[in-house]
Amino acid sequence: DDPAVLVYEHKGETTQELRRLTGHGEEGFALSWVKGESRLLSGSKDGVVCTWDVHQKSDEPSTVFTGHTEAVEALSYCPTSRTLATCSLDASFLLWDLRQHQATAAHPGGQGPLT
């Protein structure tokens, strides 16, 4: 149960591990690339959402978002508004402004997990 996010490069017959990104306390469930950028988004069992710039030398996340109390099961990014939507087993979904690095809207849930 390694919580690292692994980035691989696949060329022809060869697959090579490029990066080992650390920052989550538990294994991940959700990953998404930001189209046209070098940014990777991840959500994990620890309820944390991280953003990573895979071209930077640091293996630590660029931004860490906390707000969920249980595992983040899914995430989706909207490039026009630079908003990230996340949903969790805590039955909530959050909207995050990636420019301001904060939650802008929340639905507290309460009727069971959202996935």
PDB file of N, CA and C in Angstrom:
ATOM      1  N   ASP A   1       0.834  -1.188   0.000  1.00  0.00           N
ATOM      2  CA  ASP A   1       0.000   0.000   0.000  1.00  0.00           C
ATOM      3  C   ASP A   1       0.876   1.247   0.000  1.00  0.00           C
ATOM      4  N   ASP A   2       1.510   1.525  -1.124  1.00  0.00           N
ATOM      5  CA  ASP A   2       2.384   2.681  -1.288  1.00  0.00           C
ATOM      6  C   ASP A   2       1.547   3.864  -1.756  1.00  0.00           C
ATOM      7  N   PRO A   3       1.550   4.990  -1.021  1.00  0.00           N
ATOM      8  CA  PRO A   3       0.721   6.126  -1.410  1.00  0.00           C
ATOM      9  C   PRO A   3       1.315   7.009  -2.505  1.00  0.00           C
ATOM     10  N   ALA A   4       2.484   6.675  -3.019  1.00  0.00           N
ATOM     11  CA  ALA A   4       3.121   7.500  -4.047  1.00  0.00           C
ATOM     12  C   ALA A   4       2.347   7.431  -5.364  1.00  0.00           C
ATOM     13  N   VAL A   5       2.363   8.542  -6.089  1.00  0.00           N
ATOM     14  CA  VAL A   5       1.810   8.595  -7.439  1.00  0.00           C
ATOM     15  C   VAL A   5       2.981   8.372  -8.386  1.00  0.00           C
ATOM     16  N   LEU A   6       2.882   7.347  -9.213  1.00  0.00           N
ATOM     17  CA  LEU A   6       3.970   7.008 -10.133  1.00  0.00           C
ATOM     18  C   LEU A   6       3.640   7.498 -11.533  1.00  0.00           C
ATOM     19  N   VAL A   7       4.614   8.146 -12.172  1.00  0.00           N
ATOM     20  CA  VAL A   7       4.459   8.639 -13.535  1.00  0.00           C
ATOM     21  C   VAL A   7       5.405   7.838 -14.421  1.00  0.00           C
ATOM     22  N   TYR A   8       4.841   7.232 -15.465  1.00  0.00           N
ATOM     23  CA  TYR A   8       5.612   6.409 -16.386  1.00  0.00           C
ATOM     24  C   TYR A   8       5.618   7.022 -17.774  1.00  0.00           C
ATOM     25  N   GLU A   9       6.669   6.694 -18.529  1.00  0.00           N
ATOM     26  CA  GLU A   9       6.740   7.059 -19.941  1.00  0.00           C
ATOM     27  C   GLU A   9       6.783   5.765 -20.730  1.00  0.00           C
ATOM     28  N   HIS A  10       5.945   5.700 -21.741  1.00  0.00           N
ATOM     29  CA  HIS A  10       5.891   4.506 -22.582  1.00  0.00           C
ATOM     30  C   HIS A  10       6.327   4.889 -23.989  1.00  0.00           C
ATOM     31  N   LYS A  11       7.427   4.291 -24.449  1.00  0.00           N
ATOM     32  CA  LYS A  11       7.934   4.530 -25.804  1.00  0.00           C
ATOM     33  C   LYS A  11       8.175   3.175 -26.463  1.00  0.00           C
ATOM     34  N   GLY A  12       7.432   2.925 -27.532  1.00  0.00           N
ATOM     35  CA  GLY A  12       7.594   1.663 -28.245  1.00  0.00           C
ATOM     36  C   GLY A  12       7.373   0.476 -27.335  1.00  0.00           C
ATOM     37  N   GLU A  13       8.392  -0.331 -27.168  1.00  0.00           N
ATOM     38  CA  GLU A  13       8.327  -1.539 -26.341  1.00  0.00           C
ATOM     39  C   GLU A  13       8.781  -1.298 -24.903  1.00  0.00           C
ATOM     40  N   THR A  14       9.187  -0.064 -24.598  1.00  0.00           N
ATOM     41  CA  THR A  14       9.791   0.227 -23.302  1.00  0.00           C
ATOM     42  C   THR A  14       8.891   1.115 -22.439  1.00  0.00           C
ATOM     43  N   THR A  15       8.773   0.749 -21.169  1.00  0.00           N
ATOM     44  CA  THR A  15       8.078   1.565 -20.189  1.00  0.00           C
ATOM     45  C   THR A  15       9.063   1.877 -19.071  1.00  0.00           C
ATOM     46  N   GLN A  16       9.155   3.160 -18.725  1.00  0.00           N
ATOM     47  CA  GLN A  16      10.122   3.589 -17.719  1.00  0.00           C
ATOM     48  C   GLN A  16       9.452   4.493 -16.692  1.00  0.00           C
ATOM     49  N   GLU A  17       9.744   4.236 -15.417  1.00  0.00           N
ATOM     50  CA  GLU A  17       9.231   5.120 -14.370  1.00  0.00           C
ATOM     51  C   GLU A  17      10.001   6.427 -14.426  1.00  0.00           C
ATOM     52  N   LEU A  18       9.263   7.548 -14.565  1.00  0.00           N
ATOM     53  CA  LEU A  18       9.890   8.861 -14.633  1.00  0.00           C
ATOM     54  C   LEU A  18       9.926   9.566 -13.287  1.00  0.00           C
ATOM     55  N   ARG A  19       8.833   9.475 -12.563  1.00  0.00           N
ATOM     56  CA  ARG A  19       8.717  10.219 -11.310  1.00  0.00           C
ATOM     57  C   ARG A  19       7.986   9.390 -10.271  1.00  0.00           C
ATOM     58  N   ARG A  20       8.313   9.658  -9.026  1.00  0.00           N
ATOM     59  CA  ARG A  20       7.633   9.070  -7.873  1.00  0.00           C
ATOM     60  C   ARG A  20       7.194  10.250  -7.008  1.00  0.00           C
ATOM     61  N   LEU A  21       5.925  10.612  -7.106  1.00  0.00           N
ATOM     62  CA  LEU A  21       5.394  11.802  -6.449  1.00  0.00           C
ATOM     63  C   LEU A  21       4.840  11.438  -5.074  1.00  0.00           C
ATOM     64  N   THR A  22       5.327  12.124  -4.051  1.00  0.00           N
ATOM     65  CA  THR A  22       4.899  11.837  -2.680  1.00  0.00           C
ATOM     66  C   THR A  22       4.100  13.016  -2.143  1.00  0.00           C
ATOM     67  N   GLY A  23       3.159  12.753  -1.295  1.00  0.00           N
ATOM     68  CA  GLY A  23       2.347  13.820  -0.730  1.00  0.00           C
ATOM     69  C   GLY A  23       1.056  13.307  -0.125  1.00  0.00           C
ATOM     70  N   HIS A  24       0.628  12.134  -0.540  1.00  0.00           N
ATOM     71  CA  HIS A  24      -0.570  11.530   0.030  1.00  0.00           C
ATOM     72  C   HIS A  24      -0.174  10.623   1.183  1.00  0.00           C
ATOM     73  N   GLY A  25      -1.050  10.559   2.179  1.00  0.00           N
ATOM     74  CA  GLY A  25      -0.816   9.674   3.314  1.00  0.00           C
ATOM     75  C   GLY A  25      -1.330   8.269   3.080  1.00  0.00           C
ATOM     76  N   GLU A  26      -2.229   8.128   2.082  1.00  0.00           N
ATOM     77  CA  GLU A  26      -2.783   6.820   1.746  1.00  0.00           C
ATOM     78  C   GLU A  26      -2.866   6.698   0.230  1.00  0.00           C
ATOM     79  N   GLU A  27      -3.130   5.493  -0.238  1.00  0.00           N
ATOM     80  CA  GLU A  27      -3.160   5.239  -1.674  1.00  0.00           C
ATOM     81  C   GLU A  27      -4.218   6.072  -2.393  1.00  0.00           C
ATOM     82  N   GLY A  28      -3.975   6.303  -3.673  1.00  0.00           N
ATOM     83  CA  GLY A  28      -4.845   7.145  -4.470  1.00  0.00           C
ATOM     84  C   GLY A  28      -5.973   6.390  -5.141  1.00  0.00           C
ATOM     85  N   PHE A  29      -7.034   7.134  -5.441  1.00  0.00           N
ATOM     86  CA  PHE A  29      -8.191   6.588  -6.148  1.00  0.00           C
ATOM     87  C   PHE A  29      -8.449   7.299  -7.461  1.00  0.00           C
ATOM     88  N   ALA A  30      -8.129   8.585  -7.543  1.00  0.00           N
ATOM     89  CA  ALA A  30      -8.517   9.380  -8.702  1.00  0.00           C
ATOM     90  C   ALA A  30      -7.324  10.149  -9.248  1.00  0.00           C
ATOM     91  N   LEU A  31      -7.162  10.123 -10.575  1.00  0.00           N
ATOM     92  CA  LEU A  31      -6.098  10.863 -11.250  1.00  0.00           C
ATOM     93  C   LEU A  31      -6.662  11.525 -12.488  1.00  0.00           C
ATOM     94  N   SER A  32      -6.111  12.699 -12.813  1.00  0.00           N
ATOM     95  CA  SER A  32      -6.515  13.385 -14.037  1.00  0.00           C
ATOM     96  C   SER A  32      -5.387  14.298 -14.490  1.00  0.00           C
ATOM     97  N   TRP A  33      -5.093  14.267 -15.801  1.00  0.00           N
ATOM     98  CA  TRP A  33      -4.147  15.221 -16.387  1.00  0.00           C
ATOM     99  C   TRP A  33      -4.911  16.460 -16.786  1.00  0.00           C
ATOM    100  N   VAL A  34      -4.287  17.622 -16.629  1.00  0.00           N
ATOM    101  CA  VAL A  34      -4.847  18.871 -17.134  1.00  0.00           C
ATOM    102  C   VAL A  34      -4.370  18.998 -18.574  1.00  0.00           C
ATOM    103  N   LYS A  35      -5.314  18.929 -19.507  1.00  0.00           N
ATOM    104  CA  LYS A  35      -4.992  18.938 -20.928  1.00  0.00           C
ATOM    105  C   LYS A  35      -4.201  20.190 -21.313  1.00  0.00           C
ATOM    106  N   GLY A  36      -3.119  19.988 -22.034  1.00  0.00           N
ATOM    107  CA  GLY A  36      -2.301  21.091 -22.505  1.00  0.00           C
ATOM    108  C   GLY A  36      -1.322  21.636 -21.473  1.00  0.00           C
ATOM    109  N   GLU A  37      -1.293  21.051 -20.289  1.00  0.00           N
ATOM    110  CA  GLU A  37      -0.384  21.489 -19.229  1.00  0.00           C
ATOM    111  C   GLU A  37       0.397  20.286 -18.717  1.00  0.00           C
ATOM    112  N   SER A  38       1.364  20.561 -17.868  1.00  0.00           N
ATOM    113  CA  SER A  38       2.140  19.482 -17.251  1.00  0.00           C
ATOM    114  C   SER A  38       1.627  19.185 -15.849  1.00  0.00           C
ATOM    115  N   ARG A  39       0.349  19.498 -15.620  1.00  0.00           N
ATOM    116  CA  ARG A  39      -0.222  19.338 -14.284  1.00  0.00           C
ATOM    117  C   ARG A  39      -1.016  18.043 -14.174  1.00  0.00           C
ATOM    118  N   LEU A  40      -0.775  17.337 -13.079  1.00  0.00           N
ATOM    119  CA  LEU A  40      -1.492  16.116 -12.740  1.00  0.00           C
ATOM    120  C   LEU A  40      -2.269  16.384 -11.459  1.00  0.00           C
ATOM    121  N   LEU A  41      -3.511  15.908 -11.406  1.00  0.00           N
ATOM    122  CA  LEU A  41      -4.373  16.062 -10.230  1.00  0.00           C
ATOM    123  C   LEU A  41      -4.604  14.685  -9.632  1.00  0.00           C
ATOM    124  N   SER A  42      -4.593  14.596  -8.302  1.00  0.00           N
ATOM    125  CA  SER A  42      -4.814  13.298  -7.662  1.00  0.00           C
ATOM    126  C   SER A  42      -5.655  13.447  -6.401  1.00  0.00           C
ATOM    127  N   GLY A  43      -6.463  12.434  -6.145  1.00  0.00           N
ATOM    128  CA  GLY A  43      -7.257  12.349  -4.924  1.00  0.00           C
ATOM    129  C   GLY A  43      -7.030  10.988  -4.299  1.00  0.00           C
ATOM    130  N   SER A  44      -7.076  10.916  -2.975  1.00  0.00           N
ATOM    131  CA  SER A  44      -6.727   9.650  -2.330  1.00  0.00           C
ATOM    132  C   SER A  44      -7.623   9.303  -1.158  1.00  0.00           C
ATOM    133  N   LYS A  45      -7.328   8.137  -0.582  1.00  0.00           N
ATOM    134  CA  LYS A  45      -8.080   7.633   0.565  1.00  0.00           C
ATOM    135  C   LYS A  45      -7.993   8.551   1.769  1.00  0.00           C
ATOM    136  N   ASP A  46      -6.946   9.366   1.839  1.00  0.00           N
ATOM    137  CA  ASP A  46      -6.777  10.260   2.992  1.00  0.00           C
ATOM    138  C   ASP A  46      -7.651  11.514   2.901  1.00  0.00           C
ATOM    139  N   GLY A  47      -8.452  11.632   1.829  1.00  0.00           N
ATOM    140  CA  GLY A  47      -9.338  12.780   1.670  1.00  0.00           C
ATOM    141  C   GLY A  47      -8.659  14.014   1.114  1.00  0.00           C
ATOM    142  N   VAL A  48      -7.406  13.882   0.719  1.00  0.00           N
ATOM    143  CA  VAL A  48      -6.603  14.995   0.226  1.00  0.00           C
ATOM    144  C   VAL A  48      -6.570  14.991  -1.296  1.00  0.00           C
ATOM    145  N   VAL A  49      -6.582  16.205  -1.873  1.00  0.00           N
ATOM    146  CA  VAL A  49      -6.419  16.382  -3.313  1.00  0.00           C
ATOM    147  C   VAL A  49      -5.110  17.140  -3.518  1.00  0.00           C
ATOM    148  N   CYS A  50      -4.282  16.650  -4.437  1.00  0.00           N
ATOM    149  CA  CYS A  50      -2.998  17.292  -4.722  1.00  0.00           C
ATOM    150  C   CYS A  50      -2.916  17.674  -6.188  1.00  0.00           C
ATOM    151  N   THR A  51      -2.197  18.763  -6.459  1.00  0.00           N
ATOM    152  CA  THR A  51      -1.828  19.101  -7.832  1.00  0.00           C
ATOM    153  C   THR A  51      -0.315  18.979  -7.928  1.00  0.00           C
ATOM    154  N   TRP A  52       0.136  18.523  -9.086  1.00  0.00           N
ATOM    155  CA  TRP A  52       1.567  18.284  -9.315  1.00  0.00           C
ATOM    156  C   TRP A  52       1.958  18.888 -10.656  1.00  0.00           C
ATOM    157  N   ASP A  53       3.096  19.539 -10.706  1.00  0.00           N
ATOM    158  CA  ASP A  53       3.682  19.939 -11.981  1.00  0.00           C
ATOM    159  C   ASP A  53       4.777  18.912 -12.258  1.00  0.00           C
ATOM    160  N   VAL A  54       4.528  18.029 -13.194  1.00  0.00           N
ATOM    161  CA  VAL A  54       5.453  16.915 -13.405  1.00  0.00           C
ATOM    162  C   VAL A  54       6.764  17.339 -14.063  1.00  0.00           C
ATOM    163  N   HIS A  55       6.851  18.582 -14.527  1.00  0.00           N
ATOM    164  CA  HIS A  55       8.112  19.071 -15.097  1.00  0.00           C
ATOM    165  C   HIS A  55       8.998  19.738 -14.058  1.00  0.00           C
ATOM    166  N   GLN A  56       8.457  19.998 -12.866  1.00  0.00           N
ATOM    167  CA  GLN A  56       9.297  20.536 -11.793  1.00  0.00           C
ATOM    168  C   GLN A  56      10.140  19.416 -11.211  1.00  0.00           C
ATOM    169  N   LYS A  57      11.234  19.764 -10.597  1.00  0.00           N
ATOM    170  CA  LYS A  57      12.124  18.755 -10.029  1.00  0.00           C
ATOM    171  C   LYS A  57      11.623  18.198  -8.704  1.00  0.00           C
ATOM    172  N   SER A  58      10.758  18.938  -8.016  1.00  0.00           N
ATOM    173  CA  SER A  58      10.255  18.499  -6.720  1.00  0.00           C
ATOM    174  C   SER A  58       9.256  17.355  -6.885  1.00  0.00           C
ATOM    175  N   ASP A  59       9.348  16.380  -6.007  1.00  0.00           N
ATOM    176  CA  ASP A  59       8.386  15.282  -5.983  1.00  0.00           C
ATOM    177  C   ASP A  59       7.251  15.560  -5.008  1.00  0.00           C
ATOM    178  N   GLU A  60       7.232  16.754  -4.415  1.00  0.00           N
ATOM    179  CA  GLU A  60       6.165  17.180  -3.521  1.00  0.00           C
ATOM    180  C   GLU A  60       5.077  17.882  -4.334  1.00  0.00           C
ATOM    181  N   PRO A  61       3.833  17.855  -3.880  1.00  0.00           N
ATOM    182  CA  PRO A  61       2.754  18.507  -4.632  1.00  0.00           C
ATOM    183  C   PRO A  61       2.923  20.020  -4.698  1.00  0.00           C
ATOM    184  N   SER A  62       2.438  20.607  -5.800  1.00  0.00           N
ATOM    185  CA  SER A  62       2.430  22.066  -5.941  1.00  0.00           C
ATOM    186  C   SER A  62       1.407  22.677  -4.991  1.00  0.00           C
ATOM    187  N   THR A  63       0.248  22.017  -4.885  1.00  0.00           N
ATOM    188  CA  THR A  63      -0.839  22.485  -4.030  1.00  0.00           C
ATOM    189  C   THR A  63      -1.487  21.279  -3.366  1.00  0.00           C
ATOM    190  N   VAL A  64      -1.885  21.451  -2.118  1.00  0.00           N
ATOM    191  CA  VAL A  64      -2.610  20.416  -1.372  1.00  0.00           C
ATOM    192  C   VAL A  64      -3.935  21.017  -0.922  1.00  0.00           C
ATOM    193  N   PHE A  65      -5.037  20.350  -1.280  1.00  0.00           N
ATOM    194  CA  PHE A  65      -6.369  20.786  -0.884  1.00  0.00           C
ATOM    195  C   PHE A  65      -6.922  19.808   0.146  1.00  0.00           C
ATOM    196  N   THR A  66      -7.372  20.334   1.261  1.00  0.00           N
ATOM    197  CA  THR A  66      -8.023  19.500   2.269  1.00  0.00           C
ATOM    198  C   THR A  66      -9.437  20.018   2.473  1.00  0.00           C
ATOM    199  N   GLY A  67     -10.355  19.140   2.767  1.00  0.00           N
ATOM    200  CA  GLY A  67     -11.745  19.528   2.958  1.00  0.00           C
ATOM    201  C   GLY A  67     -12.656  18.321   3.050  1.00  0.00           C
ATOM    202  N   HIS A  68     -12.220  17.220   2.455  1.00  0.00           N
ATOM    203  CA  HIS A  68     -12.977  15.982   2.565  1.00  0.00           C
ATOM    204  C   HIS A  68     -12.521  15.234   3.815  1.00  0.00           C
ATOM    205  N   THR A  69     -13.435  14.506   4.420  1.00  0.00           N
ATOM    206  CA  THR A  69     -13.095  13.738   5.620  1.00  0.00           C
ATOM    207  C   THR A  69     -12.918  12.255   5.331  1.00  0.00           C
ATOM    208  N   GLU A  70     -13.240  11.845   4.112  1.00  0.00           N
ATOM    209  CA  GLU A  70     -13.027  10.448   3.694  1.00  0.00           C
ATOM    210  C   GLU A  70     -12.425  10.445   2.297  1.00  0.00           C
ATOM    211  N   ALA A  71     -12.274   9.266   1.734  1.00  0.00           N
ATOM    212  CA  ALA A  71     -11.584   9.088   0.452  1.00  0.00           C
ATOM    213  C   ALA A  71     -12.197   9.918  -0.674  1.00  0.00           C
ATOM    214  N   VAL A  72     -11.325  10.518  -1.480  1.00  0.00           N
ATOM    215  CA  VAL A  72     -11.746  11.204  -2.699  1.00  0.00           C
ATOM    216  C   VAL A  72     -11.850  10.145  -3.783  1.00  0.00           C
ATOM    217  N   GLU A  73     -13.053   9.955  -4.305  1.00  0.00           N
ATOM    218  CA  GLU A  73     -13.330   8.893  -5.269  1.00  0.00           C
ATOM    219  C   GLU A  73     -13.233   9.353  -6.718  1.00  0.00           C
ATOM    220  N   ALA A  74     -13.483  10.625  -6.978  1.00  0.00           N
ATOM    221  CA  ALA A  74     -13.464  11.114  -8.358  1.00  0.00           C
ATOM    222  C   ALA A  74     -13.140  12.595  -8.379  1.00  0.00           C
ATOM    223  N   LEU A  75     -12.566  13.033  -9.488  1.00  0.00           N
ATOM    224  CA  LEU A  75     -12.303  14.448  -9.692  1.00  0.00           C
ATOM    225  C   LEU A  75     -12.410  14.766 -11.167  1.00  0.00           C
ATOM    226  N   SER A  76     -12.746  16.029 -11.442  1.00  0.00           N
ATOM    227  CA  SER A  76     -12.884  16.481 -12.819  1.00  0.00           C
ATOM    228  C   SER A  76     -12.488  17.947 -12.885  1.00  0.00           C
ATOM    229  N   TYR A  77     -11.747  18.306 -13.926  1.00  0.00           N
ATOM    230  CA  TYR A  77     -11.224  19.662 -14.072  1.00  0.00           C
ATOM    231  C   TYR A  77     -11.895  20.369 -15.237  1.00  0.00           C
ATOM    232  N   CYS A  78     -12.293  21.624 -15.039  1.00  0.00           N
ATOM    233  CA  CYS A  78     -12.859  22.467 -16.093  1.00  0.00           C
ATOM    234  C   CYS A  78     -11.830  23.543 -16.435  1.00  0.00           C
ATOM    235  N   PRO A  79     -11.205  23.467 -17.622  1.00  0.00           N
ATOM    236  CA  PRO A  79     -10.151  24.427 -17.955  1.00  0.00           C
ATOM    237  C   PRO A  79     -10.638  25.858 -18.165  1.00  0.00           C
ATOM    238  N   THR A  80     -11.877  26.046 -18.598  1.00  0.00           N
ATOM    239  CA  THR A  80     -12.344  27.411 -18.856  1.00  0.00           C
ATOM    240  C   THR A  80     -12.504  28.212 -17.567  1.00  0.00           C
ATOM    241  N   SER A  81     -12.926  27.569 -16.492  1.00  0.00           N
ATOM    242  CA  SER A  81     -13.080  28.277 -15.217  1.00  0.00           C
ATOM    243  C   SER A  81     -11.930  27.974 -14.249  1.00  0.00           C
ATOM    244  N   ARG A  82     -11.033  27.085 -14.647  1.00  0.00           N
ATOM    245  CA  ARG A  82      -9.923  26.625 -13.793  1.00  0.00           C
ATOM    246  C   ARG A  82     -10.458  26.148 -12.443  1.00  0.00           C
ATOM    247  N   THR A  83     -11.547  25.361 -12.531  1.00  0.00           N
ATOM    248  CA  THR A  83     -12.206  24.815 -11.351  1.00  0.00           C
ATOM    249  C   THR A  83     -12.058  23.301 -11.339  1.00  0.00           C
ATOM    250  N   LEU A  84     -11.794  22.775 -10.170  1.00  0.00           N
ATOM    251  CA  LEU A  84     -11.699  21.339  -9.965  1.00  0.00           C
ATOM    252  C   LEU A  84     -12.881  20.895  -9.113  1.00  0.00           C
ATOM    253  N   ALA A  85     -13.606  19.878  -9.565  1.00  0.00           N
ATOM    254  CA  ALA A  85     -14.699  19.290  -8.797  1.00  0.00           C
ATOM    255  C   ALA A  85     -14.227  17.966  -8.230  1.00  0.00           C
ATOM    256  N   THR A  86     -14.493  17.739  -6.947  1.00  0.00           N
ATOM    257  CA  THR A  86     -14.128  16.479  -6.305  1.00  0.00           C
ATOM    258  C   THR A  86     -15.325  15.923  -5.559  1.00  0.00           C
ATOM    259  N   CYS A  87     -15.419  14.595  -5.514  1.00  0.00           N
ATOM    260  CA  CYS A  87     -16.447  13.967  -4.685  1.00  0.00           C
ATOM    261  C   CYS A  87     -15.800  12.882  -3.844  1.00  0.00           C
ATOM    262  N   SER A  88     -16.440  12.623  -2.719  1.00  0.00           N
ATOM    263  CA  SER A  88     -15.820  11.807  -1.693  1.00  0.00           C
ATOM    264  C   SER A  88     -16.802  10.812  -1.088  1.00  0.00           C
ATOM    265  N   LEU A  89     -16.247   9.811  -0.426  1.00  0.00           N
ATOM    266  CA  LEU A  89     -17.059   8.861   0.322  1.00  0.00           C
ATOM    267  C   LEU A  89     -17.711   9.498   1.546  1.00  0.00           C
ATOM    268  N   ASP A  90     -17.321  10.733   1.887  1.00  0.00           N
ATOM    269  CA  ASP A  90     -17.991  11.437   2.979  1.00  0.00           C
ATOM    270  C   ASP A  90     -19.323  12.043   2.526  1.00  0.00           C
ATOM    271  N   ALA A  91     -19.732  11.734   1.284  1.00  0.00           N
ATOM    272  CA  ALA A  91     -21.007  12.163   0.688  1.00  0.00           C
ATOM    273  C   ALA A  91     -21.020  13.640   0.325  1.00  0.00           C
ATOM    274  N   SER A  92     -19.849  14.248   0.204  1.00  0.00           N
ATOM    275  CA  SER A  92     -19.787  15.656  -0.181  1.00  0.00           C
ATOM    276  C   SER A  92     -19.113  15.802  -1.537  1.00  0.00           C
ATOM    277  N   PHE A  93     -19.407  16.922  -2.195  1.00  0.00           N
ATOM    278  CA  PHE A  93     -18.587  17.310  -3.329  1.00  0.00           C
ATOM    279  C   PHE A  93     -18.173  18.756  -3.128  1.00  0.00           C
ATOM    280  N   LEU A  94     -16.963  19.056  -3.602  1.00  0.00           N
ATOM    281  CA  LEU A  94     -16.388  20.387  -3.434  1.00  0.00           C
ATOM    282  C   LEU A  94     -15.942  20.911  -4.784  1.00  0.00           C
ATOM    283  N   LEU A  95     -16.040  22.223  -4.959  1.00  0.00           N
ATOM    284  CA  LEU A  95     -15.496  22.901  -6.129  1.00  0.00           C
ATOM    285  C   LEU A  95     -14.319  23.742  -5.657  1.00  0.00           C
ATOM    286  N   TRP A  96     -13.184  23.579  -6.332  1.00  0.00           N
ATOM    287  CA  TRP A  96     -11.946  24.247  -5.937  1.00  0.00           C
ATOM    288  C   TRP A  96     -11.521  25.218  -7.031  1.00  0.00           C
ATOM    289  N   ASP A  97     -11.157  26.437  -6.651  1.00  0.00           N
ATOM    290  CA  ASP A  97     -10.586  27.409  -7.574  1.00  0.00           C
ATOM    291  C   ASP A  97      -9.075  27.191  -7.567  1.00  0.00           C
ATOM    292  N   LEU A  98      -8.533  26.740  -8.692  1.00  0.00           N
ATOM    293  CA  LEU A  98      -7.106  26.427  -8.728  1.00  0.00           C
ATOM    294  C   LEU A  98      -6.234  27.676  -8.769  1.00  0.00           C
ATOM    295  N   ARG A  99      -6.796  28.823  -9.087  1.00  0.00           N
ATOM    296  CA  ARG A  99      -6.022  30.071  -9.053  1.00  0.00           C
ATOM    297  C   ARG A  99      -5.888  30.578  -7.624  1.00  0.00           C
ATOM    298  N   GLN A 100      -6.964  30.479  -6.845  1.00  0.00           N
ATOM    299  CA  GLN A 100      -6.959  30.987  -5.468  1.00  0.00           C
ATOM    300  C   GLN A 100      -6.614  29.910  -4.442  1.00  0.00           C
ATOM    301  N   HIS A 101      -6.513  28.660  -4.888  1.00  0.00           N
ATOM    302  CA  HIS A 101      -6.139  27.536  -4.011  1.00  0.00           C
ATOM    303  C   HIS A 101      -7.096  27.377  -2.834  1.00  0.00           C
ATOM    304  N   GLN A 102      -8.408  27.446  -3.130  1.00  0.00           N
ATOM    305  CA  GLN A 102      -9.390  27.267  -2.063  1.00  0.00           C
ATOM    306  C   GLN A 102     -10.700  26.733  -2.615  1.00  0.00           C
ATOM    307  N   ALA A 103     -11.489  26.156  -1.716  1.00  0.00           N
ATOM    308  CA  ALA A 103     -12.826  25.687  -2.093  1.00  0.00           C
ATOM    309  C   ALA A 103     -13.727  26.894  -2.295  1.00  0.00           C
ATOM    310  N   THR A 104     -14.512  26.871  -3.367  1.00  0.00           N
ATOM    311  CA  THR A 104     -15.425  27.982  -3.670  1.00  0.00           C
ATOM    312  C   THR A 104     -16.878  27.595  -3.465  1.00  0.00           C
ATOM    313  N   ALA A 105     -17.168  26.309  -3.448  1.00  0.00           N
ATOM    314  CA  ALA A 105     -18.532  25.829  -3.235  1.00  0.00           C
ATOM    315  C   ALA A 105     -18.469  24.434  -2.661  1.00  0.00           C
ATOM    316  N   ALA A 106     -19.477  24.096  -1.884  1.00  0.00           N
ATOM    317  CA  ALA A 106     -19.511  22.767  -1.269  1.00  0.00           C
ATOM    318  C   ALA A 106     -20.941  22.286  -1.166  1.00  0.00           C
ATOM    319  N   HIS A 107     -21.097  20.999  -1.297  1.00  0.00           N
ATOM    320  CA  HIS A 107     -22.374  20.339  -1.040  1.00  0.00           C
ATOM    321  C   HIS A 107     -22.068  19.320   0.036  1.00  0.00           C
ATOM    322  N   PRO A 108     -22.609  19.498   1.224  1.00  0.00           N
ATOM    323  CA  PRO A 108     -22.213  18.657   2.352  1.00  0.00           C
ATOM    324  C   PRO A 108     -22.686  17.213   2.255  1.00  0.00           C
ATOM    325  N   GLY A 109     -23.632  16.920   1.389  1.00  0.00           N
ATOM    326  CA  GLY A 109     -24.081  15.542   1.259  1.00  0.00           C
ATOM    327  C   GLY A 109     -24.880  15.082   2.448  1.00  0.00           C
ATOM    328  N   GLY A 110     -24.668  13.819   2.832  1.00  0.00           N
ATOM    329  CA  GLY A 110     -25.361  13.275   3.972  1.00  0.00           C
ATOM    330  C   GLY A 110     -26.288  12.131   3.614  1.00  0.00           C
ATOM    331  N   GLN A 111     -26.493  11.864   2.342  1.00  0.00           N
ATOM    332  CA  GLN A 111     -27.370  10.778   1.908  1.00  0.00           C
ATOM    333  C   GLN A 111     -26.589   9.543   1.477  1.00  0.00           C
ATOM    334  N   GLY A 112     -25.324   9.468   1.766  1.00  0.00           N
ATOM    335  CA  GLY A 112     -24.500   8.340   1.359  1.00  0.00           C
ATOM    336  C   GLY A 112     -23.413   8.798   0.428  1.00  0.00           C
ATOM    337  N   PRO A 113     -22.482   7.912   0.094  1.00  0.00           N
ATOM    338  CA  PRO A 113     -21.311   8.284  -0.697  1.00  0.00           C
ATOM    339  C   PRO A 113     -21.675   8.758  -2.108  1.00  0.00           C
ATOM    340  N   LEU A 114     -20.911   9.705  -2.600  1.00  0.00           N
ATOM    341  CA  LEU A 114     -20.999  10.153  -3.994  1.00  0.00           C
ATOM    342  C   LEU A 114     -19.830   9.540  -4.741  1.00  0.00           C
ATOM    343  N   THR A 115     -20.073   8.962  -5.893  1.00  0.00           N
ATOM    344  CA  THR A 115     -18.975   8.427  -6.702  1.00  0.00           C
ATOM    345  C   THR A 115     -19.237   8.690  -8.166  1.00  0.00           C
TER     346      THR A 115
END
